[in-house]
Amino acid sequence: MANLTLVYGLRLLPSEEVAEVGDATLKLKNGNEAHVTMHVLEGSKKEIEKQLKNSLDAFFDFYPEI
């Protein structure tokens, strides 16, 4: 299997400060664009860590061939 690249971003903000979250756009070497859906997790540090782990585990479930 070819090497893969996981693209992600994290930023921690006070929950009352976030008004809107949009997609991130990637520019590929072949000239095409790809889009990354941004996800929002809210709660305490412990709750966010648990949600993030569950989200990451679920992400890889989409790609059983990896």
PDB file of N, CA and C in Angstrom:
ATOM      1  N   MET A   1       0.842  -1.180   0.000  1.00  0.00           N
ATOM      2  CA  MET A   1       0.000   0.000   0.000  1.00  0.00           C
ATOM      3  C   MET A   1       0.887   1.243   0.000  1.00  0.00           C
ATOM      4  N   ALA A   2       0.452   2.258  -0.696  1.00  0.00           N
ATOM      5  CA  ALA A   2       1.192   3.522  -0.767  1.00  0.00           C
ATOM      6  C   ALA A   2       1.158   4.233   0.579  1.00  0.00           C
ATOM      7  N   ASN A   3       2.137   5.092   0.799  1.00  0.00           N
ATOM      8  CA  ASN A   3       2.103   5.942   1.984  1.00  0.00           C
ATOM      9  C   ASN A   3       0.906   6.868   1.898  1.00  0.00           C
ATOM     10  N   LEU A   4       0.359   7.214   3.033  1.00  0.00           N
ATOM     11  CA  LEU A   4      -0.825   8.059   3.107  1.00  0.00           C
ATOM     12  C   LEU A   4      -0.491   9.357   3.827  1.00  0.00           C
ATOM     13  N   THR A   5      -1.323  10.355   3.663  1.00  0.00           N
ATOM     14  CA  THR A   5      -1.202  11.610   4.395  1.00  0.00           C
ATOM     15  C   THR A   5      -2.536  11.877   5.077  1.00  0.00           C
ATOM     16  N   LEU A   6      -2.512  12.060   6.379  1.00  0.00           N
ATOM     17  CA  LEU A   6      -3.711  12.439   7.132  1.00  0.00           C
ATOM     18  C   LEU A   6      -3.646  13.946   7.350  1.00  0.00           C
ATOM     19  N   VAL A   7      -4.649  14.656   6.859  1.00  0.00           N
ATOM     20  CA  VAL A   7      -4.702  16.111   7.007  1.00  0.00           C
ATOM     21  C   VAL A   7      -5.719  16.437   8.100  1.00  0.00           C
ATOM     22  N   TYR A   8      -5.299  17.188   9.082  1.00  0.00           N
ATOM     23  CA  TYR A   8      -6.227  17.591  10.133  1.00  0.00           C
ATOM     24  C   TYR A   8      -5.758  18.901  10.749  1.00  0.00           C
ATOM     25  N   GLY A   9      -6.645  19.548  11.456  1.00  0.00           N
ATOM     26  CA  GLY A   9      -6.305  20.774  12.163  1.00  0.00           C
ATOM     27  C   GLY A   9      -7.033  20.815  13.487  1.00  0.00           C
ATOM     28  N   LEU A  10      -6.411  21.433  14.440  1.00  0.00           N
ATOM     29  CA  LEU A  10      -7.016  21.556  15.760  1.00  0.00           C
ATOM     30  C   LEU A  10      -6.887  22.991  16.249  1.00  0.00           C
ATOM     31  N   ARG A  11      -7.893  23.473  16.893  1.00  0.00           N
ATOM     32  CA  ARG A  11      -7.832  24.776  17.536  1.00  0.00           C
ATOM     33  C   ARG A  11      -8.819  24.747  18.685  1.00  0.00           C
ATOM     34  N   LEU A  12      -8.381  25.126  19.850  1.00  0.00           N
ATOM     35  CA  LEU A  12      -9.238  25.121  21.033  1.00  0.00           C
ATOM     36  C   LEU A  12      -9.639  26.551  21.348  1.00  0.00           C
ATOM     37  N   LEU A  13     -10.954  26.798  21.383  1.00  0.00           N
ATOM     38  CA  LEU A  13     -11.510  28.124  21.626  1.00  0.00           C
ATOM     39  C   LEU A  13     -12.616  28.027  22.666  1.00  0.00           C
ATOM     40  N   PRO A  14     -12.928  29.113  23.350  1.00  0.00           N
ATOM     41  CA  PRO A  14     -14.108  29.110  24.224  1.00  0.00           C
ATOM     42  C   PRO A  14     -15.353  28.834  23.370  1.00  0.00           C
ATOM     43  N   SER A  15     -16.217  27.956  23.825  1.00  0.00           N
ATOM     44  CA  SER A  15     -17.355  27.522  23.005  1.00  0.00           C
ATOM     45  C   SER A  15     -18.257  28.679  22.597  1.00  0.00           C
ATOM     46  N   GLU A  16     -18.376  29.703  23.409  1.00  0.00           N
ATOM     47  CA  GLU A  16     -19.250  30.829  23.063  1.00  0.00           C
ATOM     48  C   GLU A  16     -18.647  31.736  21.988  1.00  0.00           C
ATOM     49  N   GLU A  17     -17.388  31.526  21.630  1.00  0.00           N
ATOM     50  CA  GLU A  17     -16.721  32.348  20.618  1.00  0.00           C
ATOM     51  C   GLU A  17     -16.947  31.846  19.185  1.00  0.00           C
ATOM     52  N   VAL A  18     -17.332  30.586  19.012  1.00  0.00           N
ATOM     53  CA  VAL A  18     -17.434  29.996  17.672  1.00  0.00           C
ATOM     54  C   VAL A  18     -18.805  30.296  17.076  1.00  0.00           C
ATOM     55  N   ALA A  19     -18.791  30.982  15.918  1.00  0.00           N
ATOM     56  CA  ALA A  19     -20.043  31.328  15.245  1.00  0.00           C
ATOM     57  C   ALA A  19     -20.316  30.415  14.062  1.00  0.00           C
ATOM     58  N   GLU A  20     -19.260  30.001  13.346  1.00  0.00           N
ATOM     59  CA  GLU A  20     -19.441  29.211  12.128  1.00  0.00           C
ATOM     60  C   GLU A  20     -18.153  28.476  11.807  1.00  0.00           C
ATOM     61  N   VAL A  21     -18.296  27.270  11.250  1.00  0.00           N
ATOM     62  CA  VAL A  21     -17.149  26.469  10.818  1.00  0.00           C
ATOM     63  C   VAL A  21     -17.400  26.039   9.378  1.00  0.00           C
ATOM     64  N   GLY A  22     -16.417  26.261   8.508  1.00  0.00           N
ATOM     65  CA  GLY A  22     -16.551  25.866   7.111  1.00  0.00           C
ATOM     66  C   GLY A  22     -15.541  24.794   6.752  1.00  0.00           C
ATOM     67  N   ASP A  23     -15.611  24.323   5.522  1.00  0.00           N
ATOM     68  CA  ASP A  23     -14.668  23.325   5.033  1.00  0.00           C
ATOM     69  C   ASP A  23     -13.307  23.959   4.777  1.00  0.00           C
ATOM     70  N   ALA A  24     -12.273  23.156   4.857  1.00  0.00           N
ATOM     71  CA  ALA A  24     -10.931  23.579   4.469  1.00  0.00           C
ATOM     72  C   ALA A  24     -10.669  23.057   3.060  1.00  0.00           C
ATOM     73  N   THR A  25      -9.969  23.836   2.253  1.00  0.00           N
ATOM     74  CA  THR A  25      -9.670  23.450   0.876  1.00  0.00           C
ATOM     75  C   THR A  25      -8.197  23.090   0.751  1.00  0.00           C
ATOM     76  N   LEU A  26      -7.933  21.957   0.114  1.00  0.00           N
ATOM     77  CA  LEU A  26      -6.572  21.510  -0.150  1.00  0.00           C
ATOM     78  C   LEU A  26      -6.297  21.635  -1.640  1.00  0.00           C
ATOM     79  N   LYS A  27      -5.130  22.056  -1.995  1.00  0.00           N
ATOM     80  CA  LYS A  27      -4.709  22.079  -3.393  1.00  0.00           C
ATOM     81  C   LYS A  27      -3.775  20.893  -3.613  1.00  0.00           C
ATOM     82  N   LEU A  28      -4.127  20.035  -4.576  1.00  0.00           N
ATOM     83  CA  LEU A  28      -3.355  18.834  -4.861  1.00  0.00           C
ATOM     84  C   LEU A  28      -2.306  19.111  -5.928  1.00  0.00           C
ATOM     85  N   LYS A  29      -1.274  18.305  -5.959  1.00  0.00           N
ATOM     86  CA  LYS A  29      -0.183  18.488  -6.925  1.00  0.00           C
ATOM     87  C   LYS A  29      -0.653  18.397  -8.366  1.00  0.00           C
ATOM     88  N   ASN A  30      -1.741  17.650  -8.599  1.00  0.00           N
ATOM     89  CA  ASN A  30      -2.246  17.504  -9.979  1.00  0.00           C
ATOM     90  C   ASN A  30      -3.114  18.686 -10.409  1.00  0.00           C
ATOM     91  N   GLY A  31      -3.217  19.709  -9.543  1.00  0.00           N
ATOM     92  CA  GLY A  31      -4.005  20.891  -9.862  1.00  0.00           C
ATOM     93  C   GLY A  31      -5.430  20.855  -9.354  1.00  0.00           C
ATOM     94  N   ASN A  32      -5.899  19.701  -8.929  1.00  0.00           N
ATOM     95  CA  ASN A  32      -7.257  19.581  -8.394  1.00  0.00           C
ATOM     96  C   ASN A  32      -7.317  20.106  -6.967  1.00  0.00           C
ATOM     97  N   GLU A  33      -8.540  20.273  -6.493  1.00  0.00           N
ATOM     98  CA  GLU A  33      -8.766  20.640  -5.102  1.00  0.00           C
ATOM     99  C   GLU A  33      -9.507  19.509  -4.408  1.00  0.00           C
ATOM    100  N   ALA A  34      -9.279  19.389  -3.117  1.00  0.00           N
ATOM    101  CA  ALA A  34     -10.014  18.453  -2.273  1.00  0.00           C
ATOM    102  C   ALA A  34     -10.512  19.255  -1.072  1.00  0.00           C
ATOM    103  N   HIS A  35     -11.549  18.781  -0.452  1.00  0.00           N
ATOM    104  CA  HIS A  35     -12.122  19.497   0.685  1.00  0.00           C
ATOM    105  C   HIS A  35     -12.099  18.609   1.923  1.00  0.00           C
ATOM    106  N   VAL A  36     -11.836  19.232   3.047  1.00  0.00           N
ATOM    107  CA  VAL A  36     -11.805  18.547   4.333  1.00  0.00           C
ATOM    108  C   VAL A  36     -12.947  19.101   5.175  1.00  0.00           C
ATOM    109  N   THR A  37     -13.816  18.227   5.609  1.00  0.00           N
ATOM    110  CA  THR A  37     -14.901  18.640   6.481  1.00  0.00           C
ATOM    111  C   THR A  37     -14.343  18.870   7.877  1.00  0.00           C
ATOM    112  N   MET A  38     -14.615  20.031   8.413  1.00  0.00           N
ATOM    113  CA  MET A  38     -14.160  20.355   9.760  1.00  0.00           C
ATOM    114  C   MET A  38     -15.208  19.846  10.750  1.00  0.00           C
ATOM    115  N   HIS A  39     -14.759  19.383  11.887  1.00  0.00           N
ATOM    116  CA  HIS A  39     -15.651  18.857  12.913  1.00  0.00           C
ATOM    117  C   HIS A  39     -15.509  19.690  14.178  1.00  0.00           C
ATOM    118  N   VAL A  40     -16.583  19.809  14.917  1.00  0.00           N
ATOM    119  CA  VAL A  40     -16.591  20.574  16.159  1.00  0.00           C
ATOM    120  C   VAL A  40     -16.898  19.620  17.306  1.00  0.00           C
ATOM    121  N   LEU A  41     -16.049  19.641  18.322  1.00  0.00           N
ATOM    122  CA  LEU A  41     -16.257  18.856  19.540  1.00  0.00           C
ATOM    123  C   LEU A  41     -16.324  19.827  20.705  1.00  0.00           C
ATOM    124  N   GLU A  42     -17.313  19.673  21.548  1.00  0.00           N
ATOM    125  CA  GLU A  42     -17.473  20.574  22.691  1.00  0.00           C
ATOM    126  C   GLU A  42     -17.582  19.772  23.969  1.00  0.00           C
ATOM    127  N   GLY A  43     -17.194  20.376  25.059  1.00  0.00           N
ATOM    128  CA  GLY A  43     -17.293  19.748  26.367  1.00  0.00           C
ATOM    129  C   GLY A  43     -16.063  20.037  27.188  1.00  0.00           C
ATOM    130  N   SER A  44     -15.898  19.277  28.232  1.00  0.00           N
ATOM    131  CA  SER A  44     -14.707  19.411  29.077  1.00  0.00           C
ATOM    132  C   SER A  44     -13.513  18.804  28.349  1.00  0.00           C
ATOM    133  N   LYS A  45     -12.326  19.027  28.870  1.00  0.00           N
ATOM    134  CA  LYS A  45     -11.116  18.453  28.272  1.00  0.00           C
ATOM    135  C   LYS A  45     -11.263  16.942  28.120  1.00  0.00           C
ATOM    136  N   LYS A  46     -11.739  16.299  29.167  1.00  0.00           N
ATOM    137  CA  LYS A  46     -11.902  14.838  29.143  1.00  0.00           C
ATOM    138  C   LYS A  46     -12.938  14.411  28.101  1.00  0.00           C
ATOM    139  N   GLU A  47     -14.046  15.132  28.014  1.00  0.00           N
ATOM    140  CA  GLU A  47     -15.092  14.805  27.040  1.00  0.00           C
ATOM    141  C   GLU A  47     -14.593  15.003  25.611  1.00  0.00           C
ATOM    142  N   ILE A  48     -13.859  16.086  25.378  1.00  0.00           N
ATOM    143  CA  ILE A  48     -13.327  16.347  24.041  1.00  0.00           C
ATOM    144  C   ILE A  48     -12.322  15.270  23.647  1.00  0.00           C
ATOM    145  N   GLU A  49     -11.446  14.892  24.569  1.00  0.00           N
ATOM    146  CA  GLU A  49     -10.466  13.837  24.275  1.00  0.00           C
ATOM    147  C   GLU A  49     -11.164  12.532  23.914  1.00  0.00           C
ATOM    148  N   LYS A  50     -12.224  12.179  24.647  1.00  0.00           N
ATOM    149  CA  LYS A  50     -12.968  10.947  24.371  1.00  0.00           C
ATOM    150  C   LYS A  50     -13.645  11.024  23.000  1.00  0.00           C
ATOM    151  N   GLN A  51     -14.288  12.164  22.705  1.00  0.00           N
ATOM    152  CA  GLN A  51     -14.961  12.340  21.416  1.00  0.00           C
ATOM    153  C   GLN A  51     -13.956  12.287  20.271  1.00  0.00           C
ATOM    154  N   LEU A  52     -12.787  12.908  20.467  1.00  0.00           N
ATOM    155  CA  LEU A  52     -11.763  12.921  19.427  1.00  0.00           C
ATOM    156  C   LEU A  52     -11.259  11.513  19.144  1.00  0.00           C
ATOM    157  N   LYS A  53     -11.012  10.735  20.178  1.00  0.00           N
ATOM    158  CA  LYS A  53     -10.564   9.352  19.989  1.00  0.00           C
ATOM    159  C   LYS A  53     -11.632   8.544  19.258  1.00  0.00           C
ATOM    160  N   ASN A  54     -12.887   8.684  19.677  1.00  0.00           N
ATOM    161  CA  ASN A  54     -13.979   7.954  19.009  1.00  0.00           C
ATOM    162  C   ASN A  54     -14.110   8.371  17.546  1.00  0.00           C
ATOM    163  N   SER A  55     -13.958   9.668  17.277  1.00  0.00           N
ATOM    164  CA  SER A  55     -14.054  10.173  15.912  1.00  0.00           C
ATOM    165  C   SER A  55     -12.920   9.620  15.050  1.00  0.00           C
ATOM    166  N   LEU A  56     -11.723   9.590  15.591  1.00  0.00           N
ATOM    167  CA  LEU A  56     -10.580   9.064  14.850  1.00  0.00           C
ATOM    168  C   LEU A  56     -10.748   7.569  14.578  1.00  0.00           C
ATOM    169  N   ASP A  57     -11.199   6.823  15.570  1.00  0.00           N
ATOM    170  CA  ASP A  57     -11.446   5.392  15.374  1.00  0.00           C
ATOM    171  C   ASP A  57     -12.497   5.170  14.292  1.00  0.00           C
ATOM    172  N   ALA A  58     -13.568   5.955  14.324  1.00  0.00           N
ATOM    173  CA  ALA A  58     -14.644   5.819  13.332  1.00  0.00           C
ATOM    174  C   ALA A  58     -14.144   6.196  11.938  1.00  0.00           C
ATOM    175  N   PHE A  59     -13.271   7.198  11.851  1.00  0.00           N
ATOM    176  CA  PHE A  59     -12.726   7.611  10.560  1.00  0.00           C
ATOM    177  C   PHE A  59     -12.033   6.438   9.880  1.00  0.00           C
ATOM    178  N   PHE A  60     -11.214   5.715  10.617  1.00  0.00           N
ATOM    179  CA  PHE A  60     -10.487   4.591  10.022  1.00  0.00           C
ATOM    180  C   PHE A  60     -11.398   3.413   9.721  1.00  0.00           C
ATOM    181  N   ASP A  61     -12.561   3.345  10.353  1.00  0.00           N
ATOM    182  CA  ASP A  61     -13.541   2.303  10.008  1.00  0.00           C
ATOM    183  C   ASP A  61     -14.062   2.490   8.583  1.00  0.00           C
ATOM    184  N   PHE A  62     -14.022   3.730   8.055  1.00  0.00           N
ATOM    185  CA  PHE A  62     -14.434   3.996   6.672  1.00  0.00           C
ATOM    186  C   PHE A  62     -13.464   3.386   5.662  1.00  0.00           C
ATOM    187  N   TYR A  63     -12.250   3.104   6.106  1.00  0.00           N
ATOM    188  CA  TYR A  63     -11.200   2.609   5.219  1.00  0.00           C
ATOM    189  C   TYR A  63     -10.657   1.268   5.730  1.00  0.00           C
ATOM    190  N   PRO A  64     -11.452   0.213   5.671  1.00  0.00           N
ATOM    191  CA  PRO A  64     -11.012  -1.080   6.218  1.00  0.00           C
ATOM    192  C   PRO A  64      -9.816  -1.667   5.479  1.00  0.00           C
ATOM    193  N   GLU A  65      -9.538  -1.191   4.260  1.00  0.00           N
ATOM    194  CA  GLU A  65      -8.420  -1.725   3.500  1.00  0.00           C
ATOM    195  C   GLU A  65      -7.080  -1.221   4.017  1.00  0.00           C
ATOM    196  N   ILE A  66      -7.086  -0.232   4.894  1.00  0.00           N
ATOM    197  CA  ILE A  66      -5.819   0.307   5.427  1.00  0.00           C
ATOM    198  C   ILE A  66      -5.293  -0.618   6.504  1.00  0.00           C
TER     199      ILE A  66
END
